[in-house]
Amino acid sequence: MNKNELITAVAEKSGLTKKDTEKILKAFTEIVTEELKKGGKVQMVGFGTFEVSERAARDGRNPRTGEPMPIEASRAPKFKAGKALKDAIN
């Protein structure tokens, strides 16, 4: 499902217009992004948690040459599914 299909599905299920649904989805993604930038997390009970994962600096290898190369520390977004979502899928 892509973004447009998601907007259409949410609009049909909620009775809102596609334009309003698109605004809501955009606001949701912006809010989650801002919170993760600050190092926080967004927890939606029953659905899951969006949080930031810290990756330490480490040594890696260049896949072409096999030479060792340093990989810098980084932060990556992570989603952990909640129990209700896991149960619904299984």
N, C-alpha and C. Protein backbone atom coordinates (compact mmCIF):
# COMPACT_ATOMS: atom_id res chain seq x y z
N MET A 1 0.86 -1.18 0.00
CA MET A 1 0.00 0.00 0.00
C MET A 1 0.90 1.23 0.00
N ASN A 2 0.67 2.12 -0.94
CA ASN A 2 1.44 3.36 -0.97
C ASN A 2 0.68 4.48 -0.25
N LYS A 3 1.26 5.66 -0.23
CA LYS A 3 0.69 6.79 0.52
C LYS A 3 -0.71 7.15 0.02
N ASN A 4 -0.88 7.23 -1.31
CA ASN A 4 -2.19 7.59 -1.86
C ASN A 4 -3.26 6.55 -1.53
N GLU A 5 -2.89 5.28 -1.57
CA GLU A 5 -3.83 4.22 -1.22
C GLU A 5 -4.19 4.29 0.26
N LEU A 6 -3.21 4.62 1.09
CA LEU A 6 -3.47 4.77 2.53
C LEU A 6 -4.43 5.93 2.77
N ILE A 7 -4.20 7.05 2.12
CA ILE A 7 -5.07 8.23 2.27
C ILE A 7 -6.49 7.88 1.86
N THR A 8 -6.65 7.19 0.74
CA THR A 8 -7.97 6.80 0.26
C THR A 8 -8.66 5.87 1.26
N ALA A 9 -7.93 4.88 1.77
CA ALA A 9 -8.51 3.92 2.72
C ALA A 9 -8.94 4.60 4.01
N VAL A 10 -8.10 5.49 4.53
CA VAL A 10 -8.43 6.19 5.78
C VAL A 10 -9.61 7.12 5.56
N ALA A 11 -9.64 7.80 4.42
CA ALA A 11 -10.75 8.71 4.12
C ALA A 11 -12.08 7.95 4.06
N GLU A 12 -12.07 6.79 3.41
CA GLU A 12 -13.30 5.99 3.31
C GLU A 12 -13.74 5.46 4.68
N LYS A 13 -12.78 5.02 5.48
CA LYS A 13 -13.10 4.44 6.79
C LYS A 13 -13.58 5.51 7.78
N SER A 14 -13.01 6.72 7.69
CA SER A 14 -13.33 7.77 8.67
C SER A 14 -14.44 8.71 8.23
N GLY A 15 -14.75 8.71 6.93
CA GLY A 15 -15.78 9.62 6.43
C GLY A 15 -15.25 11.03 6.18
N LEU A 16 -13.94 11.22 6.29
CA LEU A 16 -13.33 12.52 6.01
C LEU A 16 -13.01 12.63 4.53
N THR A 17 -12.72 13.84 4.09
CA THR A 17 -12.32 14.03 2.70
C THR A 17 -10.86 13.58 2.55
N LYS A 18 -10.49 13.30 1.31
CA LYS A 18 -9.10 12.90 1.05
C LYS A 18 -8.14 14.03 1.41
N LYS A 19 -8.56 15.26 1.16
CA LYS A 19 -7.71 16.42 1.45
C LYS A 19 -7.45 16.53 2.96
N ASP A 20 -8.50 16.38 3.76
CA ASP A 20 -8.35 16.44 5.22
C ASP A 20 -7.51 15.27 5.72
N THR A 21 -7.74 14.10 5.16
CA THR A 21 -6.97 12.91 5.55
C THR A 21 -5.50 13.09 5.23
N GLU A 22 -5.20 13.68 4.08
CA GLU A 22 -3.80 13.92 3.71
C GLU A 22 -3.14 14.88 4.68
N LYS A 23 -3.88 15.93 5.12
CA LYS A 23 -3.35 16.88 6.10
C LYS A 23 -3.05 16.18 7.42
N ILE A 24 -3.95 15.30 7.84
CA ILE A 24 -3.77 14.57 9.10
C ILE A 24 -2.56 13.65 9.01
N LEU A 25 -2.43 12.92 7.92
CA LEU A 25 -1.30 12.01 7.75
C LEU A 25 0.02 12.77 7.72
N LYS A 26 0.03 13.91 7.03
CA LYS A 26 1.24 14.74 6.97
C LYS A 26 1.60 15.26 8.36
N ALA A 27 0.60 15.72 9.11
CA ALA A 27 0.84 16.22 10.46
C ALA A 27 1.38 15.11 11.36
N PHE A 28 0.81 13.91 11.23
CA PHE A 28 1.27 12.77 12.02
C PHE A 28 2.74 12.47 11.75
N THR A 29 3.12 12.38 10.48
CA THR A 29 4.52 12.06 10.15
C THR A 29 5.46 13.16 10.61
N GLU A 30 5.03 14.42 10.50
CA GLU A 30 5.87 15.54 10.97
C GLU A 30 6.07 15.48 12.47
N ILE A 31 5.02 15.20 13.21
CA ILE A 31 5.10 15.15 14.67
C ILE A 31 6.00 14.00 15.12
N VAL A 32 5.85 12.83 14.50
CA VAL A 32 6.68 11.68 14.84
C VAL A 32 8.15 12.01 14.53
N THR A 33 8.40 12.60 13.37
CA THR A 33 9.76 12.96 12.98
C THR A 33 10.38 13.94 13.96
N GLU A 34 9.64 14.98 14.34
CA GLU A 34 10.15 15.98 15.29
C GLU A 34 10.48 15.34 16.64
N GLU A 35 9.61 14.46 17.11
CA GLU A 35 9.83 13.82 18.41
C GLU A 35 11.06 12.91 18.36
N LEU A 36 11.23 12.17 17.27
CA LEU A 36 12.40 11.30 17.14
C LEU A 36 13.69 12.12 17.01
N LYS A 37 13.64 13.26 16.34
CA LYS A 37 14.82 14.14 16.25
C LYS A 37 15.27 14.58 17.63
N LYS A 38 14.30 14.82 18.53
CA LYS A 38 14.63 15.25 19.88
C LYS A 38 15.12 14.08 20.75
N GLY A 39 15.06 12.87 20.21
CA GLY A 39 15.50 11.70 20.97
C GLY A 39 14.39 11.04 21.75
N GLY A 40 13.15 11.51 21.58
CA GLY A 40 12.02 10.94 22.29
C GLY A 40 11.45 9.74 21.57
N LYS A 41 10.28 9.31 22.02
CA LYS A 41 9.61 8.20 21.35
C LYS A 41 8.12 8.48 21.32
N VAL A 42 7.44 7.86 20.37
CA VAL A 42 6.00 8.00 20.23
C VAL A 42 5.40 6.61 20.43
N GLN A 43 4.58 6.48 21.47
CA GLN A 43 4.02 5.19 21.83
C GLN A 43 2.52 5.21 21.61
N MET A 44 2.04 4.28 20.82
CA MET A 44 0.61 4.14 20.57
C MET A 44 0.21 2.75 21.09
N VAL A 45 -0.42 2.72 22.25
CA VAL A 45 -0.75 1.46 22.91
C VAL A 45 -1.60 0.60 21.97
N GLY A 46 -1.19 -0.64 21.81
CA GLY A 46 -1.91 -1.57 20.96
C GLY A 46 -1.39 -1.59 19.53
N PHE A 47 -0.75 -0.52 19.10
CA PHE A 47 -0.22 -0.47 17.74
C PHE A 47 1.29 -0.66 17.73
N GLY A 48 2.00 0.21 18.44
CA GLY A 48 3.44 0.07 18.50
C GLY A 48 4.13 1.34 18.95
N THR A 49 5.47 1.31 18.91
CA THR A 49 6.29 2.42 19.38
C THR A 49 7.32 2.80 18.33
N PHE A 50 7.39 4.09 18.06
CA PHE A 50 8.44 4.64 17.20
C PHE A 50 9.51 5.20 18.13
N GLU A 51 10.76 4.80 17.92
CA GLU A 51 11.84 5.31 18.75
C GLU A 51 13.14 5.37 17.95
N VAL A 52 14.18 5.93 18.58
CA VAL A 52 15.47 6.08 17.92
C VAL A 52 16.43 5.03 18.45
N SER A 53 17.15 4.39 17.56
CA SER A 53 18.15 3.40 17.92
C SER A 53 19.53 4.01 17.69
N GLU A 54 20.38 3.92 18.68
CA GLU A 54 21.75 4.43 18.58
C GLU A 54 22.66 3.34 18.03
N ARG A 55 23.40 3.66 16.99
CA ARG A 55 24.36 2.72 16.42
C ARG A 55 25.77 3.22 16.72
N ALA A 56 26.56 2.39 17.35
CA ALA A 56 27.92 2.77 17.73
C ALA A 56 28.84 2.78 16.50
N ALA A 57 29.92 3.54 16.60
CA ALA A 57 30.93 3.53 15.54
C ALA A 57 31.58 2.15 15.52
N ARG A 58 31.93 1.70 14.34
CA ARG A 58 32.52 0.37 14.23
C ARG A 58 33.36 0.29 12.97
N ASP A 59 34.12 -0.78 12.86
CA ASP A 59 34.91 -1.01 11.65
C ASP A 59 34.13 -1.93 10.73
N GLY A 60 34.13 -1.59 9.45
CA GLY A 60 33.46 -2.40 8.45
C GLY A 60 34.43 -2.74 7.33
N ARG A 61 33.92 -3.30 6.27
CA ARG A 61 34.76 -3.63 5.12
C ARG A 61 34.10 -3.11 3.86
N ASN A 62 34.95 -2.59 2.96
CA ASN A 62 34.48 -2.17 1.65
C ASN A 62 34.12 -3.44 0.87
N PRO A 63 32.86 -3.57 0.40
CA PRO A 63 32.46 -4.81 -0.26
C PRO A 63 33.21 -5.07 -1.57
N ARG A 64 33.67 -4.03 -2.23
CA ARG A 64 34.39 -4.22 -3.50
C ARG A 64 35.83 -4.67 -3.30
N THR A 65 36.50 -3.99 -2.38
CA THR A 65 37.93 -4.24 -2.22
C THR A 65 38.26 -5.11 -1.02
N GLY A 66 37.35 -5.18 -0.05
CA GLY A 66 37.62 -5.95 1.16
C GLY A 66 38.46 -5.19 2.18
N GLU A 67 38.82 -3.93 1.86
CA GLU A 67 39.63 -3.12 2.76
C GLU A 67 38.81 -2.69 3.97
N PRO A 68 39.43 -2.66 5.15
CA PRO A 68 38.73 -2.17 6.34
C PRO A 68 38.44 -0.67 6.20
N MET A 69 37.30 -0.25 6.73
CA MET A 69 36.95 1.17 6.70
C MET A 69 36.11 1.49 7.93
N PRO A 70 36.27 2.69 8.47
CA PRO A 70 35.48 3.06 9.66
C PRO A 70 34.04 3.41 9.27
N ILE A 71 33.10 3.01 10.11
CA ILE A 71 31.70 3.38 9.95
C ILE A 71 31.36 4.26 11.14
N GLU A 72 30.88 5.47 10.86
CA GLU A 72 30.59 6.43 11.91
C GLU A 72 29.37 6.03 12.73
N ALA A 73 29.31 6.52 13.95
CA ALA A 73 28.13 6.31 14.80
C ALA A 73 26.95 7.02 14.15
N SER A 74 25.76 6.48 14.33
CA SER A 74 24.57 7.09 13.75
C SER A 74 23.35 6.78 14.59
N ARG A 75 22.27 7.47 14.26
CA ARG A 75 20.98 7.23 14.90
C ARG A 75 20.01 6.79 13.80
N ALA A 76 19.17 5.81 14.09
CA ALA A 76 18.23 5.31 13.10
C ALA A 76 16.84 5.17 13.71
N PRO A 77 15.80 5.51 12.96
CA PRO A 77 14.44 5.31 13.48
C PRO A 77 14.12 3.83 13.54
N LYS A 78 13.30 3.45 14.53
CA LYS A 78 12.95 2.06 14.73
C LYS A 78 11.47 1.99 15.11
N PHE A 79 10.78 0.97 14.62
CA PHE A 79 9.39 0.74 15.01
C PHE A 79 9.28 -0.63 15.64
N LYS A 80 8.68 -0.68 16.81
CA LYS A 80 8.44 -1.94 17.50
C LYS A 80 6.94 -2.16 17.59
N ALA A 81 6.45 -3.23 16.97
CA ALA A 81 5.03 -3.52 16.96
C ALA A 81 4.53 -3.86 18.35
N GLY A 82 3.31 -3.39 18.65
CA GLY A 82 2.68 -3.69 19.93
C GLY A 82 2.02 -5.07 19.91
N LYS A 83 1.64 -5.54 21.08
CA LYS A 83 1.06 -6.87 21.22
C LYS A 83 -0.23 -7.03 20.41
N ALA A 84 -1.11 -6.04 20.45
CA ALA A 84 -2.38 -6.14 19.73
C ALA A 84 -2.15 -6.26 18.23
N LEU A 85 -1.19 -5.52 17.69
CA LEU A 85 -0.89 -5.59 16.27
C LEU A 85 -0.30 -6.96 15.92
N LYS A 86 0.60 -7.46 16.76
CA LYS A 86 1.18 -8.79 16.54
C LYS A 86 0.09 -9.87 16.56
N ASP A 87 -0.80 -9.76 17.55
CA ASP A 87 -1.87 -10.75 17.66
C ASP A 87 -2.82 -10.70 16.47
N ALA A 88 -3.10 -9.51 15.96
CA ALA A 88 -4.00 -9.36 14.81
C ALA A 88 -3.41 -9.98 13.55
N ILE A 89 -2.10 -9.91 13.42
CA ILE A 89 -1.43 -10.46 12.24
C ILE A 89 -1.33 -11.97 12.32
N ASN A 90 -1.09 -12.47 13.52
CA ASN A 90 -0.95 -13.93 13.69
C ASN A 90 -2.29 -14.50 13.94
